[in-house]
Amino acid sequence: MGGYGWDMHVDRARDLRKQPSDAENRLWYRLRRKSLSGYRFRRQSPIGNYIVDFVCPDVALIVELDGGQHADQQKYDEARTRWLESQGYRVLRCWNNDVLSNTDAVLEQILVALEDPPP
């Protein structure tokens, strides 16, 4: 995907990596450097017209962190998830509050998704 639009997504992803939320910081600390059972993740990564919070390219798993604003944009999130799934990705959504209050449970949920690919 070349061109102006792609460059804008890459720049926006770079900006998002520089200003992570508390939940993104906490989860990234536990996912980076293959810390979760050797799986490699990227953060704030462009995929098509979207920038996903975390992606494990080896198993095509996307982890999205949702804050309170997502309650007001459910239709957008559903359309985004459908498109990402149409591209072969699985999308796991986690609430920021869960990441901050029970990080280990969120990591366990991610690990289950990583090790149990869909049929």
N, C-alpha and C. Protein backbone atom coordinates (compact mmCIF):
# COMPACT_ATOMS: atom_id res chain seq x y z
N MET A 1 0.84 -1.19 0.00
CA MET A 1 0.00 0.00 0.00
C MET A 1 0.87 1.24 0.00
N GLY A 2 1.15 1.81 -1.07
CA GLY A 2 1.95 3.02 -1.06
C GLY A 2 1.08 4.24 -1.04
N GLY A 3 1.72 5.37 -1.14
CA GLY A 3 0.98 6.60 -1.33
C GLY A 3 0.75 7.39 -0.06
N TYR A 4 0.12 8.50 -0.27
CA TYR A 4 -0.08 9.50 0.77
C TYR A 4 -0.87 8.96 1.95
N GLY A 5 -1.96 8.25 1.70
CA GLY A 5 -2.79 7.74 2.78
C GLY A 5 -2.03 6.81 3.71
N TRP A 6 -1.24 5.92 3.14
CA TRP A 6 -0.46 4.98 3.95
C TRP A 6 0.55 5.73 4.80
N ASP A 7 1.22 6.73 4.22
CA ASP A 7 2.18 7.53 4.98
C ASP A 7 1.51 8.21 6.17
N MET A 8 0.28 8.70 5.96
CA MET A 8 -0.45 9.34 7.06
C MET A 8 -0.73 8.34 8.17
N HIS A 9 -1.08 7.10 7.82
CA HIS A 9 -1.34 6.08 8.84
C HIS A 9 -0.07 5.75 9.61
N VAL A 10 1.04 5.65 8.92
CA VAL A 10 2.30 5.35 9.58
C VAL A 10 2.68 6.48 10.54
N ASP A 11 2.51 7.72 10.09
CA ASP A 11 2.81 8.86 10.96
C ASP A 11 1.88 8.90 12.17
N ARG A 12 0.60 8.63 11.95
CA ARG A 12 -0.37 8.63 13.06
C ARG A 12 -0.04 7.51 14.04
N ALA A 13 0.32 6.34 13.54
CA ALA A 13 0.69 5.23 14.42
C ALA A 13 1.92 5.60 15.25
N ARG A 14 2.88 6.24 14.63
CA ARG A 14 4.08 6.68 15.34
C ARG A 14 3.71 7.65 16.47
N ASP A 15 2.81 8.59 16.16
CA ASP A 15 2.35 9.55 17.17
C ASP A 15 1.65 8.83 18.33
N LEU A 16 0.81 7.85 18.01
CA LEU A 16 0.11 7.10 19.05
C LEU A 16 1.07 6.33 19.95
N ARG A 17 2.15 5.81 19.37
CA ARG A 17 3.14 5.09 20.16
C ARG A 17 3.85 6.03 21.14
N LYS A 18 3.94 7.30 20.78
CA LYS A 18 4.61 8.28 21.65
C LYS A 18 3.72 8.74 22.80
N GLN A 19 2.40 8.54 22.68
CA GLN A 19 1.47 9.02 23.70
C GLN A 19 0.48 7.92 24.10
N PRO A 20 0.97 6.81 24.65
CA PRO A 20 0.07 5.71 24.99
C PRO A 20 -0.76 6.03 26.23
N SER A 21 -1.90 5.37 26.32
CA SER A 21 -2.72 5.47 27.53
C SER A 21 -2.05 4.64 28.64
N ASP A 22 -2.50 4.81 29.86
CA ASP A 22 -1.95 4.02 30.97
C ASP A 22 -2.15 2.53 30.72
N ALA A 23 -3.33 2.17 30.21
CA ALA A 23 -3.61 0.75 29.95
C ALA A 23 -2.69 0.22 28.85
N GLU A 24 -2.50 1.00 27.78
CA GLU A 24 -1.60 0.57 26.70
C GLU A 24 -0.18 0.40 27.23
N ASN A 25 0.27 1.33 28.05
CA ASN A 25 1.61 1.23 28.65
C ASN A 25 1.76 -0.05 29.45
N ARG A 26 0.77 -0.32 30.29
CA ARG A 26 0.85 -1.49 31.16
C ARG A 26 0.87 -2.78 30.34
N LEU A 27 -0.02 -2.86 29.35
CA LEU A 27 -0.07 -4.09 28.55
C LEU A 27 1.19 -4.23 27.69
N TRP A 28 1.65 -3.15 27.10
CA TRP A 28 2.84 -3.22 26.26
C TRP A 28 4.04 -3.69 27.07
N TYR A 29 4.16 -3.25 28.32
CA TYR A 29 5.27 -3.67 29.17
C TYR A 29 5.29 -5.19 29.31
N ARG A 30 4.10 -5.81 29.32
CA ARG A 30 4.00 -7.26 29.48
C ARG A 30 4.04 -8.02 28.16
N LEU A 31 3.83 -7.34 27.02
CA LEU A 31 3.83 -8.01 25.72
C LEU A 31 5.14 -7.84 24.95
N ARG A 32 5.84 -6.76 25.19
CA ARG A 32 7.02 -6.44 24.39
C ARG A 32 8.13 -7.47 24.60
N ARG A 33 9.04 -7.48 23.66
CA ARG A 33 10.22 -8.37 23.69
C ARG A 33 9.85 -9.84 23.88
N LYS A 34 8.77 -10.25 23.23
CA LYS A 34 8.32 -11.65 23.27
C LYS A 34 8.13 -12.15 24.70
N SER A 35 7.67 -11.27 25.58
CA SER A 35 7.51 -11.62 27.00
C SER A 35 6.38 -12.58 27.27
N LEU A 36 5.38 -12.64 26.40
CA LEU A 36 4.24 -13.53 26.62
C LEU A 36 4.45 -14.81 25.81
N SER A 37 5.04 -15.79 26.44
CA SER A 37 5.28 -17.12 25.84
C SER A 37 5.99 -17.06 24.48
N GLY A 38 6.82 -16.07 24.29
CA GLY A 38 7.62 -15.99 23.07
C GLY A 38 6.90 -15.39 21.87
N TYR A 39 5.66 -14.94 22.04
CA TYR A 39 4.92 -14.32 20.92
C TYR A 39 5.37 -12.88 20.72
N ARG A 40 5.58 -12.51 19.47
CA ARG A 40 6.01 -11.15 19.13
C ARG A 40 4.80 -10.29 18.80
N PHE A 41 4.73 -9.15 19.46
CA PHE A 41 3.65 -8.18 19.21
C PHE A 41 4.23 -6.89 18.68
N ARG A 42 3.42 -6.21 17.90
CA ARG A 42 3.69 -4.82 17.50
C ARG A 42 2.58 -3.98 18.10
N ARG A 43 2.87 -2.73 18.39
CA ARG A 43 1.83 -1.86 18.93
C ARG A 43 1.57 -0.70 17.99
N GLN A 44 0.33 -0.22 18.04
CA GLN A 44 -0.12 0.89 17.19
C GLN A 44 0.36 0.66 15.76
N SER A 45 -0.16 -0.38 15.18
CA SER A 45 0.28 -0.83 13.87
C SER A 45 -0.81 -0.59 12.82
N PRO A 46 -0.46 0.03 11.69
CA PRO A 46 -1.45 0.24 10.63
C PRO A 46 -1.80 -1.07 9.92
N ILE A 47 -3.09 -1.30 9.76
CA ILE A 47 -3.60 -2.42 8.97
C ILE A 47 -4.74 -1.85 8.14
N GLY A 48 -4.55 -1.79 6.85
CA GLY A 48 -5.55 -1.16 6.00
C GLY A 48 -5.74 0.29 6.39
N ASN A 49 -6.98 0.70 6.56
CA ASN A 49 -7.28 2.08 6.96
C ASN A 49 -7.33 2.26 8.47
N TYR A 50 -6.94 1.25 9.21
CA TYR A 50 -7.05 1.29 10.67
C TYR A 50 -5.67 1.21 11.31
N ILE A 51 -5.62 1.67 12.54
CA ILE A 51 -4.43 1.49 13.37
C ILE A 51 -4.87 0.67 14.57
N VAL A 52 -4.31 -0.52 14.71
CA VAL A 52 -4.71 -1.40 15.80
C VAL A 52 -3.78 -1.22 16.99
N ASP A 53 -4.30 -1.46 18.18
CA ASP A 53 -3.51 -1.26 19.39
C ASP A 53 -2.33 -2.22 19.45
N PHE A 54 -2.61 -3.52 19.33
CA PHE A 54 -1.55 -4.54 19.37
C PHE A 54 -1.88 -5.62 18.36
N VAL A 55 -0.85 -6.14 17.70
CA VAL A 55 -1.06 -7.24 16.76
C VAL A 55 0.09 -8.23 16.91
N CYS A 56 -0.28 -9.50 16.92
CA CYS A 56 0.69 -10.59 16.86
C CYS A 56 0.61 -11.13 15.44
N PRO A 57 1.51 -10.72 14.55
CA PRO A 57 1.42 -11.11 13.14
C PRO A 57 1.54 -12.61 12.91
N ASP A 58 2.27 -13.31 13.76
CA ASP A 58 2.49 -14.74 13.55
C ASP A 58 1.21 -15.56 13.61
N VAL A 59 0.24 -15.12 14.41
CA VAL A 59 -1.03 -15.84 14.51
C VAL A 59 -2.22 -14.96 14.13
N ALA A 60 -1.94 -13.78 13.57
CA ALA A 60 -2.97 -12.85 13.09
C ALA A 60 -3.99 -12.53 14.18
N LEU A 61 -3.48 -12.21 15.37
CA LEU A 61 -4.34 -11.82 16.49
C LEU A 61 -4.15 -10.34 16.78
N ILE A 62 -5.26 -9.63 16.83
CA ILE A 62 -5.26 -8.21 17.19
C ILE A 62 -5.87 -8.07 18.57
N VAL A 63 -5.23 -7.29 19.42
CA VAL A 63 -5.77 -6.99 20.75
C VAL A 63 -6.08 -5.50 20.77
N GLU A 64 -7.36 -5.19 20.97
CA GLU A 64 -7.81 -3.81 21.04
C GLU A 64 -8.19 -3.48 22.47
N LEU A 65 -7.73 -2.33 22.96
CA LEU A 65 -8.10 -1.87 24.29
C LEU A 65 -9.17 -0.81 24.14
N ASP A 66 -10.24 -0.99 24.87
CA ASP A 66 -11.38 -0.09 24.78
C ASP A 66 -11.56 0.68 26.08
N GLY A 67 -11.72 1.99 25.94
CA GLY A 67 -12.06 2.84 27.07
C GLY A 67 -13.53 3.18 27.01
N GLY A 68 -13.95 4.09 27.84
CA GLY A 68 -15.35 4.47 27.93
C GLY A 68 -15.93 5.00 26.64
N GLN A 69 -15.10 5.63 25.79
CA GLN A 69 -15.59 6.20 24.53
C GLN A 69 -16.14 5.13 23.60
N HIS A 70 -15.72 3.89 23.78
CA HIS A 70 -16.16 2.84 22.87
C HIS A 70 -17.63 2.45 23.08
N ALA A 71 -18.19 2.81 24.22
CA ALA A 71 -19.61 2.55 24.44
C ALA A 71 -20.46 3.37 23.46
N ASP A 72 -19.92 4.53 23.04
CA ASP A 72 -20.64 5.42 22.13
C ASP A 72 -20.34 5.15 20.66
N GLN A 73 -19.42 4.25 20.37
CA GLN A 73 -19.05 4.00 18.98
C GLN A 73 -19.09 2.51 18.64
N GLN A 74 -20.08 1.83 19.16
CA GLN A 74 -20.17 0.39 18.96
C GLN A 74 -20.32 0.02 17.48
N LYS A 75 -21.11 0.75 16.72
CA LYS A 75 -21.30 0.42 15.31
C LYS A 75 -19.98 0.56 14.54
N TYR A 76 -19.23 1.61 14.83
CA TYR A 76 -17.93 1.79 14.19
C TYR A 76 -17.01 0.63 14.55
N ASP A 77 -16.95 0.27 15.84
CA ASP A 77 -16.08 -0.82 16.28
C ASP A 77 -16.48 -2.14 15.63
N GLU A 78 -17.78 -2.39 15.51
CA GLU A 78 -18.24 -3.63 14.88
C GLU A 78 -17.85 -3.68 13.41
N ALA A 79 -18.00 -2.56 12.70
CA ALA A 79 -17.62 -2.53 11.29
C ALA A 79 -16.11 -2.71 11.14
N ARG A 80 -15.36 -2.09 12.00
CA ARG A 80 -13.90 -2.21 11.98
C ARG A 80 -13.49 -3.65 12.23
N THR A 81 -14.11 -4.28 13.23
CA THR A 81 -13.80 -5.68 13.54
C THR A 81 -14.14 -6.59 12.37
N ARG A 82 -15.31 -6.38 11.76
CA ARG A 82 -15.69 -7.20 10.59
C ARG A 82 -14.66 -7.07 9.48
N TRP A 83 -14.21 -5.86 9.21
CA TRP A 83 -13.23 -5.67 8.14
C TRP A 83 -11.91 -6.37 8.49
N LEU A 84 -11.45 -6.19 9.71
CA LEU A 84 -10.19 -6.84 10.12
C LEU A 84 -10.32 -8.36 10.03
N GLU A 85 -11.46 -8.89 10.44
CA GLU A 85 -11.68 -10.34 10.33
C GLU A 85 -11.73 -10.78 8.88
N SER A 86 -12.26 -9.94 8.01
CA SER A 86 -12.30 -10.29 6.57
C SER A 86 -10.89 -10.36 5.98
N GLN A 87 -9.94 -9.75 6.67
CA GLN A 87 -8.55 -9.78 6.22
C GLN A 87 -7.77 -10.92 6.87
N GLY A 88 -8.48 -11.77 7.63
CA GLY A 88 -7.83 -12.94 8.23
C GLY A 88 -7.38 -12.77 9.67
N TYR A 89 -7.71 -11.65 10.30
CA TYR A 89 -7.33 -11.42 11.69
C TYR A 89 -8.44 -11.83 12.63
N ARG A 90 -8.04 -12.21 13.83
CA ARG A 90 -8.99 -12.35 14.94
C ARG A 90 -8.82 -11.12 15.82
N VAL A 91 -9.90 -10.62 16.36
CA VAL A 91 -9.85 -9.40 17.17
C VAL A 91 -10.34 -9.74 18.58
N LEU A 92 -9.50 -9.45 19.54
CA LEU A 92 -9.83 -9.62 20.95
C LEU A 92 -9.93 -8.24 21.56
N ARG A 93 -11.09 -7.92 22.13
CA ARG A 93 -11.30 -6.61 22.75
C ARG A 93 -11.23 -6.75 24.27
N CYS A 94 -10.50 -5.84 24.89
CA CYS A 94 -10.35 -5.81 26.34
C CYS A 94 -10.61 -4.39 26.82
N TRP A 95 -11.21 -4.27 27.99
CA TRP A 95 -11.47 -2.95 28.55
C TRP A 95 -10.21 -2.43 29.25
N ASN A 96 -9.96 -1.13 29.07
CA ASN A 96 -8.82 -0.50 29.76
C ASN A 96 -8.86 -0.78 31.24
N ASN A 97 -10.03 -0.67 31.84
CA ASN A 97 -10.17 -0.88 33.28
C ASN A 97 -9.71 -2.28 33.69
N ASP A 98 -10.01 -3.28 32.87
CA ASP A 98 -9.57 -4.65 33.17
C ASP A 98 -8.04 -4.76 33.09
N VAL A 99 -7.45 -4.10 32.10
CA VAL A 99 -5.99 -4.12 31.98
C VAL A 99 -5.35 -3.49 33.22
N LEU A 100 -5.93 -2.40 33.68
CA LEU A 100 -5.36 -1.69 34.82
C LEU A 100 -5.62 -2.38 36.15
N SER A 101 -6.76 -3.04 36.28
CA SER A 101 -7.12 -3.62 37.58
C SER A 101 -6.78 -5.11 37.69
N ASN A 102 -6.68 -5.80 36.56
CA ASN A 102 -6.40 -7.24 36.61
C ASN A 102 -5.61 -7.65 35.37
N THR A 103 -4.40 -7.14 35.27
CA THR A 103 -3.55 -7.36 34.10
C THR A 103 -3.31 -8.84 33.85
N ASP A 104 -3.09 -9.61 34.90
CA ASP A 104 -2.79 -11.04 34.71
C ASP A 104 -3.96 -11.78 34.05
N ALA A 105 -5.19 -11.43 34.42
CA ALA A 105 -6.35 -12.08 33.80
C ALA A 105 -6.45 -11.72 32.32
N VAL A 106 -6.14 -10.48 31.97
CA VAL A 106 -6.16 -10.07 30.57
C VAL A 106 -5.07 -10.81 29.80
N LEU A 107 -3.90 -10.93 30.38
CA LEU A 107 -2.82 -11.66 29.73
C LEU A 107 -3.19 -13.12 29.52
N GLU A 108 -3.86 -13.72 30.48
CA GLU A 108 -4.31 -15.11 30.34
C GLU A 108 -5.31 -15.23 29.19
N GLN A 109 -6.22 -14.27 29.08
CA GLN A 109 -7.19 -14.25 27.99
C GLN A 109 -6.47 -14.15 26.64
N ILE A 110 -5.45 -13.30 26.57
CA ILE A 110 -4.67 -13.14 25.33
C ILE A 110 -3.94 -14.44 25.02
N LEU A 111 -3.34 -15.05 26.02
CA LEU A 111 -2.59 -16.29 25.81
C LEU A 111 -3.50 -17.40 25.31
N VAL A 112 -4.70 -17.50 25.85
CA VAL A 112 -5.65 -18.50 25.37
C VAL A 112 -5.95 -18.27 23.89
N ALA A 113 -6.17 -17.00 23.52
CA ALA A 113 -6.45 -16.68 22.12
C ALA A 113 -5.25 -17.00 21.22
N LEU A 114 -4.05 -16.75 21.71
CA LEU A 114 -2.85 -17.03 20.93
C LEU A 114 -2.66 -18.52 20.68
N GLU A 115 -2.95 -19.31 21.69
CA GLU A 115 -2.66 -20.74 21.61
C GLU A 115 -3.83 -21.58 21.13
N ASP A 116 -4.98 -20.93 20.92
CA ASP A 116 -6.15 -21.65 20.46
C ASP A 116 -6.70 -20.96 19.21
N PRO A 117 -5.99 -21.11 18.10
CA PRO A 117 -6.44 -20.45 16.87
C PRO A 117 -7.79 -20.98 16.42
N PRO A 118 -8.52 -20.17 15.67
CA PRO A 118 -9.84 -20.61 15.21
C PRO A 118 -9.73 -21.77 14.23
N PRO A 119 -10.83 -22.51 14.04
CA PRO A 119 -10.79 -23.67 13.12
C PRO A 119 -10.55 -23.23 11.68
